[in-house]
Amino acid sequence: MTEDIGEHVCVEELTPNPKTRRWVIKSRHHDDLLGTVSWSGSWRCYVLVPERDTIFSAGCLRDIAKFLRVRTSVHRGGDRP
């Protein structure tokens, strides 16, 4: 299922992993794959792994950063989105 997270980007959850969840970030208008969101054990949070040669506006980055913060909080047992 696709979820809009901003004016220009949406996320789609991949098949759940037993411990963590993963999503793909796509353009809402062109359905282009922009990157993958996955858990980073090193950073201890969800991170964006961008696709090669992708570009992002400040607004898109802000929307993605908010998604990462919310999902990290949920993963750690915080508030649900």
PDB file of N, CA and C in Angstrom:
ATOM      1  N   MET A   1       0.840  -1.176   0.000  1.00  0.00           N
ATOM      2  CA  MET A   1       0.000   0.000   0.000  1.00  0.00           C
ATOM      3  C   MET A   1       0.889   1.245   0.000  1.00  0.00           C
ATOM      4  N   THR A   2       0.534   2.214  -0.812  1.00  0.00           N
ATOM      5  CA  THR A   2       1.302   3.450  -0.932  1.00  0.00           C
ATOM      6  C   THR A   2       0.741   4.512   0.006  1.00  0.00           C
ATOM      7  N   GLU A   3       1.659   5.231   0.665  1.00  0.00           N
ATOM      8  CA  GLU A   3       1.279   6.292   1.603  1.00  0.00           C
ATOM      9  C   GLU A   3       1.991   7.579   1.190  1.00  0.00           C
ATOM     10  N   ASP A   4       1.232   8.646   0.976  1.00  0.00           N
ATOM     11  CA  ASP A   4       1.827   9.942   0.666  1.00  0.00           C
ATOM     12  C   ASP A   4       2.475  10.506   1.927  1.00  0.00           C
ATOM     13  N   ILE A   5       3.715  10.956   1.801  1.00  0.00           N
ATOM     14  CA  ILE A   5       4.387  11.572   2.953  1.00  0.00           C
ATOM     15  C   ILE A   5       4.767  13.015   2.682  1.00  0.00           C
ATOM     16  N   GLY A   6       4.388  13.514   1.533  1.00  0.00           N
ATOM     17  CA  GLY A   6       4.674  14.896   1.178  1.00  0.00           C
ATOM     18  C   GLY A   6       4.044  15.226  -0.152  1.00  0.00           C
ATOM     19  N   GLU A   7       4.275  16.455  -0.577  1.00  0.00           N
ATOM     20  CA  GLU A   7       3.675  16.918  -1.834  1.00  0.00           C
ATOM     21  C   GLU A   7       4.187  16.127  -3.035  1.00  0.00           C
ATOM     22  N   HIS A   8       5.452  15.691  -2.975  1.00  0.00           N
ATOM     23  CA  HIS A   8       6.048  15.049  -4.141  1.00  0.00           C
ATOM     24  C   HIS A   8       6.532  13.627  -3.916  1.00  0.00           C
ATOM     25  N   VAL A   9       6.479  13.136  -2.691  1.00  0.00           N
ATOM     26  CA  VAL A   9       7.008  11.791  -2.417  1.00  0.00           C
ATOM     27  C   VAL A   9       5.993  10.931  -1.676  1.00  0.00           C
ATOM     28  N   CYS A  10       6.115   9.620  -1.893  1.00  0.00           N
ATOM     29  CA  CYS A  10       5.283   8.646  -1.197  1.00  0.00           C
ATOM     30  C   CYS A  10       6.161   7.453  -0.823  1.00  0.00           C
ATOM     31  N   VAL A  11       5.656   6.619   0.067  1.00  0.00           N
ATOM     32  CA  VAL A  11       6.386   5.425   0.483  1.00  0.00           C
ATOM     33  C   VAL A  11       5.519   4.204   0.251  1.00  0.00           C
ATOM     34  N   GLU A  12       6.182   3.093   0.025  1.00  0.00           N
ATOM     35  CA  GLU A  12       5.502   1.810  -0.121  1.00  0.00           C
ATOM     36  C   GLU A  12       6.285   0.794   0.698  1.00  0.00           C
ATOM     37  N   GLU A  13       5.607   0.122   1.620  1.00  0.00           N
ATOM     38  CA  GLU A  13       6.299  -0.831   2.481  1.00  0.00           C
ATOM     39  C   GLU A  13       6.643  -2.093   1.710  1.00  0.00           C
ATOM     40  N   LEU A  14       7.859  -2.561   1.928  1.00  0.00           N
ATOM     41  CA  LEU A  14       8.302  -3.829   1.361  1.00  0.00           C
ATOM     42  C   LEU A  14       7.885  -4.951   2.299  1.00  0.00           C
ATOM     43  N   THR A  15       8.066  -6.169   1.888  1.00  0.00           N
ATOM     44  CA  THR A  15       7.730  -7.310   2.737  1.00  0.00           C
ATOM     45  C   THR A  15       8.457  -7.165   4.066  1.00  0.00           C
ATOM     46  N   PRO A  16       7.702  -7.224   5.174  1.00  0.00           N
ATOM     47  CA  PRO A  16       8.336  -7.016   6.485  1.00  0.00           C
ATOM     48  C   PRO A  16       9.415  -8.045   6.806  1.00  0.00           C
ATOM     49  N   ASN A  17      10.425  -7.561   7.465  1.00  0.00           N
ATOM     50  CA  ASN A  17      11.538  -8.339   7.980  1.00  0.00           C
ATOM     51  C   ASN A  17      11.134  -8.696   9.415  1.00  0.00           C
ATOM     52  N   PRO A  18      11.602  -9.784   9.993  1.00  0.00           N
ATOM     53  CA  PRO A  18      11.183 -10.121  11.356  1.00  0.00           C
ATOM     54  C   PRO A  18      11.476  -9.037  12.410  1.00  0.00           C
ATOM     55  N   LYS A  19      12.541  -8.291  12.274  1.00  0.00           N
ATOM     56  CA  LYS A  19      12.908  -7.293  13.288  1.00  0.00           C
ATOM     57  C   LYS A  19      12.575  -5.867  12.901  1.00  0.00           C
ATOM     58  N   THR A  20      12.783  -5.511  11.655  1.00  0.00           N
ATOM     59  CA  THR A  20      12.596  -4.128  11.228  1.00  0.00           C
ATOM     60  C   THR A  20      11.768  -4.079   9.955  1.00  0.00           C
ATOM     61  N   ARG A  21      11.268  -2.897   9.652  1.00  0.00           N
ATOM     62  CA  ARG A  21      10.469  -2.702   8.447  1.00  0.00           C
ATOM     63  C   ARG A  21      11.321  -1.977   7.405  1.00  0.00           C
ATOM     64  N   ARG A  22      10.899  -2.073   6.120  1.00  0.00           N
ATOM     65  CA  ARG A  22      11.593  -1.384   5.035  1.00  0.00           C
ATOM     66  C   ARG A  22      10.561  -0.799   4.081  1.00  0.00           C
ATOM     67  N   TRP A  23      10.909   0.338   3.503  1.00  0.00           N
ATOM     68  CA  TRP A  23      10.037   1.011   2.561  1.00  0.00           C
ATOM     69  C   TRP A  23      10.844   1.469   1.364  1.00  0.00           C
ATOM     70  N   VAL A  24      10.167   1.670   0.235  1.00  0.00           N
ATOM     71  CA  VAL A  24      10.769   2.363  -0.903  1.00  0.00           C
ATOM     72  C   VAL A  24      10.149   3.750  -0.958  1.00  0.00           C
ATOM     73  N   ILE A  25      10.975   4.728  -1.303  1.00  0.00           N
ATOM     74  CA  ILE A  25      10.530   6.103  -1.493  1.00  0.00           C
ATOM     75  C   ILE A  25      10.382   6.306  -2.995  1.00  0.00           C
ATOM     76  N   LYS A  26       9.221   6.827  -3.394  1.00  0.00           N
ATOM     77  CA  LYS A  26       8.948   7.040  -4.814  1.00  0.00           C
ATOM     78  C   LYS A  26       8.450   8.455  -5.054  1.00  0.00           C
ATOM     79  N   SER A  27       8.615   8.902  -6.296  1.00  0.00           N
ATOM     80  CA  SER A  27       8.016  10.158  -6.734  1.00  0.00           C
ATOM     81  C   SER A  27       6.518   9.937  -6.884  1.00  0.00           C
ATOM     82  N   ARG A  28       5.713  10.841  -6.330  1.00  0.00           N
ATOM     83  CA  ARG A  28       4.258  10.712  -6.452  1.00  0.00           C
ATOM     84  C   ARG A  28       3.789  10.942  -7.878  1.00  0.00           C
ATOM     85  N   HIS A  29       4.521  11.724  -8.632  1.00  0.00           N
ATOM     86  CA  HIS A  29       4.064  12.124  -9.956  1.00  0.00           C
ATOM     87  C   HIS A  29       4.562  11.226 -11.078  1.00  0.00           C
ATOM     88  N   HIS A  30       5.718  10.610 -10.898  1.00  0.00           N
ATOM     89  CA  HIS A  30       6.291   9.807 -11.976  1.00  0.00           C
ATOM     90  C   HIS A  30       6.533   8.356 -11.572  1.00  0.00           C
ATOM     91  N   ASP A  31       6.282   8.021 -10.304  1.00  0.00           N
ATOM     92  CA  ASP A  31       6.479   6.672  -9.776  1.00  0.00           C
ATOM     93  C   ASP A  31       7.944   6.229  -9.865  1.00  0.00           C
ATOM     94  N   ASP A  32       8.873   7.195  -9.971  1.00  0.00           N
ATOM     95  CA  ASP A  32      10.301   6.871 -10.014  1.00  0.00           C
ATOM     96  C   ASP A  32      10.769   6.436  -8.631  1.00  0.00           C
ATOM     97  N   LEU A  33      11.629   5.430  -8.583  1.00  0.00           N
ATOM     98  CA  LEU A  33      12.224   4.982  -7.331  1.00  0.00           C
ATOM     99  C   LEU A  33      13.313   5.966  -6.929  1.00  0.00           C
ATOM    100  N   LEU A  34      13.187   6.532  -5.719  1.00  0.00           N
ATOM    101  CA  LEU A  34      14.152   7.517  -5.237  1.00  0.00           C
ATOM    102  C   LEU A  34      15.118   6.939  -4.211  1.00  0.00           C
ATOM    103  N   GLY A  35      14.694   5.899  -3.496  1.00  0.00           N
ATOM    104  CA  GLY A  35      15.564   5.301  -2.493  1.00  0.00           C
ATOM    105  C   GLY A  35      14.821   4.299  -1.638  1.00  0.00           C
ATOM    106  N   THR A  36      15.545   3.757  -0.671  1.00  0.00           N
ATOM    107  CA  THR A  36      15.001   2.772   0.253  1.00  0.00           C
ATOM    108  C   THR A  36      15.225   3.257   1.673  1.00  0.00           C
ATOM    109  N   VAL A  37      14.241   3.032   2.523  1.00  0.00           N
ATOM    110  CA  VAL A  37      14.364   3.341   3.948  1.00  0.00           C
ATOM    111  C   VAL A  37      14.521   2.015   4.675  1.00  0.00           C
ATOM    112  N   SER A  38      15.571   1.919   5.470  1.00  0.00           N
ATOM    113  CA  SER A  38      15.815   0.699   6.238  1.00  0.00           C
ATOM    114  C   SER A  38      16.477   1.054   7.564  1.00  0.00           C
ATOM    115  N   TRP A  39      16.464   0.107   8.488  1.00  0.00           N
ATOM    116  CA  TRP A  39      17.068   0.300   9.797  1.00  0.00           C
ATOM    117  C   TRP A  39      18.578   0.209   9.682  1.00  0.00           C
ATOM    118  N   SER A  40      19.280   1.134  10.314  1.00  0.00           N
ATOM    119  CA  SER A  40      20.740   1.097  10.373  1.00  0.00           C
ATOM    120  C   SER A  40      21.148   0.789  11.808  1.00  0.00           C
ATOM    121  N   GLY A  41      21.745  -0.370  12.013  1.00  0.00           N
ATOM    122  CA  GLY A  41      22.229  -0.721  13.338  1.00  0.00           C
ATOM    123  C   GLY A  41      23.333   0.211  13.804  1.00  0.00           C
ATOM    124  N   SER A  42      24.156   0.655  12.871  1.00  0.00           N
ATOM    125  CA  SER A  42      25.251   1.565  13.223  1.00  0.00           C
ATOM    126  C   SER A  42      24.732   2.909  13.725  1.00  0.00           C
ATOM    127  N   TRP A  43      23.722   3.448  13.057  1.00  0.00           N
ATOM    128  CA  TRP A  43      23.150   4.733  13.431  1.00  0.00           C
ATOM    129  C   TRP A  43      22.037   4.581  14.464  1.00  0.00           C
ATOM    130  N   ARG A  44      21.524   3.356  14.615  1.00  0.00           N
ATOM    131  CA  ARG A  44      20.418   3.054  15.542  1.00  0.00           C
ATOM    132  C   ARG A  44      19.173   3.884  15.226  1.00  0.00           C
ATOM    133  N   CYS A  45      18.876   3.971  13.907  1.00  0.00           N
ATOM    134  CA  CYS A  45      17.683   4.682  13.448  1.00  0.00           C
ATOM    135  C   CYS A  45      17.399   4.260  12.012  1.00  0.00           C
ATOM    136  N   TYR A  46      16.220   4.654  11.528  1.00  0.00           N
ATOM    137  CA  TYR A  46      15.918   4.434  10.114  1.00  0.00           C
ATOM    138  C   TYR A  46      16.666   5.465   9.282  1.00  0.00           C
ATOM    139  N   VAL A  47      17.170   5.040   8.130  1.00  0.00           N
ATOM    140  CA  VAL A  47      17.942   5.900   7.239  1.00  0.00           C
ATOM    141  C   VAL A  47      17.442   5.760   5.810  1.00  0.00           C
ATOM    142  N   LEU A  48      17.724   6.760   5.007  1.00  0.00           N
ATOM    143  CA  LEU A  48      17.436   6.727   3.580  1.00  0.00           C
ATOM    144  C   LEU A  48      18.690   6.293   2.840  1.00  0.00           C
ATOM    145  N   VAL A  49      18.543   5.297   1.987  1.00  0.00           N
ATOM    146  CA  VAL A  49      19.618   4.885   1.087  1.00  0.00           C
ATOM    147  C   VAL A  49      19.154   5.308  -0.312  1.00  0.00           C
ATOM    148  N   PRO A  50      19.643   6.469  -0.799  1.00  0.00           N
ATOM    149  CA  PRO A  50      19.133   6.996  -2.067  1.00  0.00           C
ATOM    150  C   PRO A  50      19.619   6.188  -3.271  1.00  0.00           C
ATOM    151  N   GLU A  51      18.801   6.185  -4.299  1.00  0.00           N
ATOM    152  CA  GLU A  51      19.205   5.584  -5.568  1.00  0.00           C
ATOM    153  C   GLU A  51      20.259   6.472  -6.217  1.00  0.00           C
ATOM    154  N   ARG A  52      21.054   5.886  -7.059  1.00  0.00           N
ATOM    155  CA  ARG A  52      22.106   6.632  -7.757  1.00  0.00           C
ATOM    156  C   ARG A  52      21.484   7.724  -8.638  1.00  0.00           C
ATOM    157  N   ASP A  53      22.134   8.871  -8.667  1.00  0.00           N
ATOM    158  CA  ASP A  53      21.744  10.006  -9.508  1.00  0.00           C
ATOM    159  C   ASP A  53      20.362  10.570  -9.185  1.00  0.00           C
ATOM    160  N   THR A  54      19.928  10.450  -7.930  1.00  0.00           N
ATOM    161  CA  THR A  54      18.673  11.087  -7.542  1.00  0.00           C
ATOM    162  C   THR A  54      18.972  12.467  -6.976  1.00  0.00           C
ATOM    163  N   ILE A  55      18.026  13.369  -7.135  1.00  0.00           N
ATOM    164  CA  ILE A  55      18.156  14.709  -6.580  1.00  0.00           C
ATOM    165  C   ILE A  55      16.909  15.009  -5.757  1.00  0.00           C
ATOM    166  N   PHE A  56      17.070  15.825  -4.721  1.00  0.00           N
ATOM    167  CA  PHE A  56      15.981  16.119  -3.802  1.00  0.00           C
ATOM    168  C   PHE A  56      15.939  17.612  -3.510  1.00  0.00           C
ATOM    169  N   SER A  57      14.738  18.152  -3.444  1.00  0.00           N
ATOM    170  CA  SER A  57      14.573  19.541  -3.013  1.00  0.00           C
ATOM    171  C   SER A  57      14.579  19.574  -1.488  1.00  0.00           C
ATOM    172  N   ALA A  58      14.686  20.762  -0.928  1.00  0.00           N
ATOM    173  CA  ALA A  58      14.653  20.911   0.528  1.00  0.00           C
ATOM    174  C   ALA A  58      13.329  20.394   1.088  1.00  0.00           C
ATOM    175  N   GLY A  59      12.223  20.650   0.381  1.00  0.00           N
ATOM    176  CA  GLY A  59      10.917  20.182   0.836  1.00  0.00           C
ATOM    177  C   GLY A  59      10.816  18.665   0.858  1.00  0.00           C
ATOM    178  N   CYS A  60      11.325  18.027  -0.174  1.00  0.00           N
ATOM    179  CA  CYS A  60      11.315  16.549  -0.213  1.00  0.00           C
ATOM    180  C   CYS A  60      12.157  15.982   0.919  1.00  0.00           C
ATOM    181  N   LEU A  61      13.325  16.553   1.139  1.00  0.00           N
ATOM    182  CA  LEU A  61      14.190  16.081   2.224  1.00  0.00           C
ATOM    183  C   LEU A  61      13.534  16.269   3.578  1.00  0.00           C
ATOM    184  N   ARG A  62      12.835  17.376   3.755  1.00  0.00           N
ATOM    185  CA  ARG A  62      12.130  17.639   5.009  1.00  0.00           C
ATOM    186  C   ARG A  62      11.048  16.574   5.245  1.00  0.00           C
ATOM    187  N   ASP A  63      10.286  16.242   4.194  1.00  0.00           N
ATOM    188  CA  ASP A  63       9.235  15.230   4.311  1.00  0.00           C
ATOM    189  C   ASP A  63       9.828  13.855   4.614  1.00  0.00           C
ATOM    190  N   ILE A  64      10.913  13.512   3.958  1.00  0.00           N
ATOM    191  CA  ILE A  64      11.570  12.218   4.187  1.00  0.00           C
ATOM    192  C   ILE A  64      12.154  12.172   5.595  1.00  0.00           C
ATOM    193  N   ALA A  65      12.787  13.271   6.034  1.00  0.00           N
ATOM    194  CA  ALA A  65      13.367  13.322   7.389  1.00  0.00           C
ATOM    195  C   ALA A  65      12.289  13.132   8.452  1.00  0.00           C
ATOM    196  N   LYS A  66      11.131  13.746   8.244  1.00  0.00           N
ATOM    197  CA  LYS A  66      10.029  13.575   9.197  1.00  0.00           C
ATOM    198  C   LYS A  66       9.594  12.114   9.239  1.00  0.00           C
ATOM    199  N   PHE A  67       9.482  11.473   8.080  1.00  0.00           N
ATOM    200  CA  PHE A  67       9.119  10.048   8.025  1.00  0.00           C
ATOM    201  C   PHE A  67      10.136   9.212   8.795  1.00  0.00           C
ATOM    202  N   LEU A  68      11.425   9.490   8.599  1.00  0.00           N
ATOM    203  CA  LEU A  68      12.478   8.746   9.295  1.00  0.00           C
ATOM    204  C   LEU A  68      12.364   8.928  10.809  1.00  0.00           C
ATOM    205  N   ARG A  69      12.139  10.154  11.268  1.00  0.00           N
ATOM    206  CA  ARG A  69      11.989  10.417  12.711  1.00  0.00           C
ATOM    207  C   ARG A  69      10.803   9.665  13.301  1.00  0.00           C
ATOM    208  N   VAL A  70       9.664   9.714  12.617  1.00  0.00           N
ATOM    209  CA  VAL A  70       8.461   9.040  13.113  1.00  0.00           C
ATOM    210  C   VAL A  70       8.681   7.530  13.170  1.00  0.00           C
ATOM    211  N   ARG A  71       9.211   6.959  12.120  1.00  0.00           N
ATOM    212  CA  ARG A  71       9.408   5.500  12.082  1.00  0.00           C
ATOM    213  C   ARG A  71      10.444   5.045  13.105  1.00  0.00           C
ATOM    214  N   THR A  72      11.464   5.843  13.331  1.00  0.00           N
ATOM    215  CA  THR A  72      12.455   5.508  14.359  1.00  0.00           C
ATOM    216  C   THR A  72      11.801   5.535  15.737  1.00  0.00           C
ATOM    217  N   SER A  73      10.984   6.537  15.990  1.00  0.00           N
ATOM    218  CA  SER A  73      10.286   6.637  17.272  1.00  0.00           C
ATOM    219  C   SER A  73       9.357   5.444  17.483  1.00  0.00           C
ATOM    220  N   VAL A  74       8.616   5.066  16.449  1.00  0.00           N
ATOM    221  CA  VAL A  74       7.718   3.907  16.540  1.00  0.00           C
ATOM    222  C   VAL A  74       8.521   2.636  16.810  1.00  0.00           C
ATOM    223  N   HIS A  75       9.624   2.478  16.109  1.00  0.00           N
ATOM    224  CA  HIS A  75      10.461   1.291  16.280  1.00  0.00           C
ATOM    225  C   HIS A  75      10.983   1.178  17.717  1.00  0.00           C
ATOM    226  N   ARG A  76      11.297   2.310  18.288  1.00  0.00           N
ATOM    227  CA  ARG A  76      11.819   2.320  19.666  1.00  0.00           C
ATOM    228  C   ARG A  76      10.725   2.236  20.717  1.00  0.00           C
ATOM    229  N   GLY A  77       9.473   2.123  20.283  1.00  0.00           N
ATOM    230  CA  GLY A  77       8.369   1.991  21.228  1.00  0.00           C
ATOM    231  C   GLY A  77       7.717   3.289  21.575  1.00  0.00           C
ATOM    232  N   GLY A  78       7.980   4.335  20.790  1.00  0.00           N
ATOM    233  CA  GLY A  78       7.388   5.642  21.056  1.00  0.00           C
ATOM    234  C   GLY A  78       6.005   5.754  20.486  1.00  0.00           C
ATOM    235  N   ASP A  79       5.592   6.974  20.220  1.00  0.00           N
ATOM    236  CA  ASP A  79       4.248   7.248  19.700  1.00  0.00           C
ATOM    237  C   ASP A  79       4.046   6.589  18.347  1.00  0.00           C
ATOM    238  N   ARG A  80       2.840   6.160  18.128  1.00  0.00           N
ATOM    239  CA  ARG A  80       2.450   5.615  16.816  1.00  0.00           C
ATOM    240  C   ARG A  80       2.111   6.762  15.892  1.00  0.00           C
ATOM    241  N   PRO A  81       2.371   6.608  14.579  1.00  0.00           N
ATOM    242  CA  PRO A  81       2.052   7.702  13.645  1.00  0.00           C
ATOM    243  C   PRO A  81       0.558   7.914  13.500  1.00  0.00           C
TER     244      PRO A  81
END
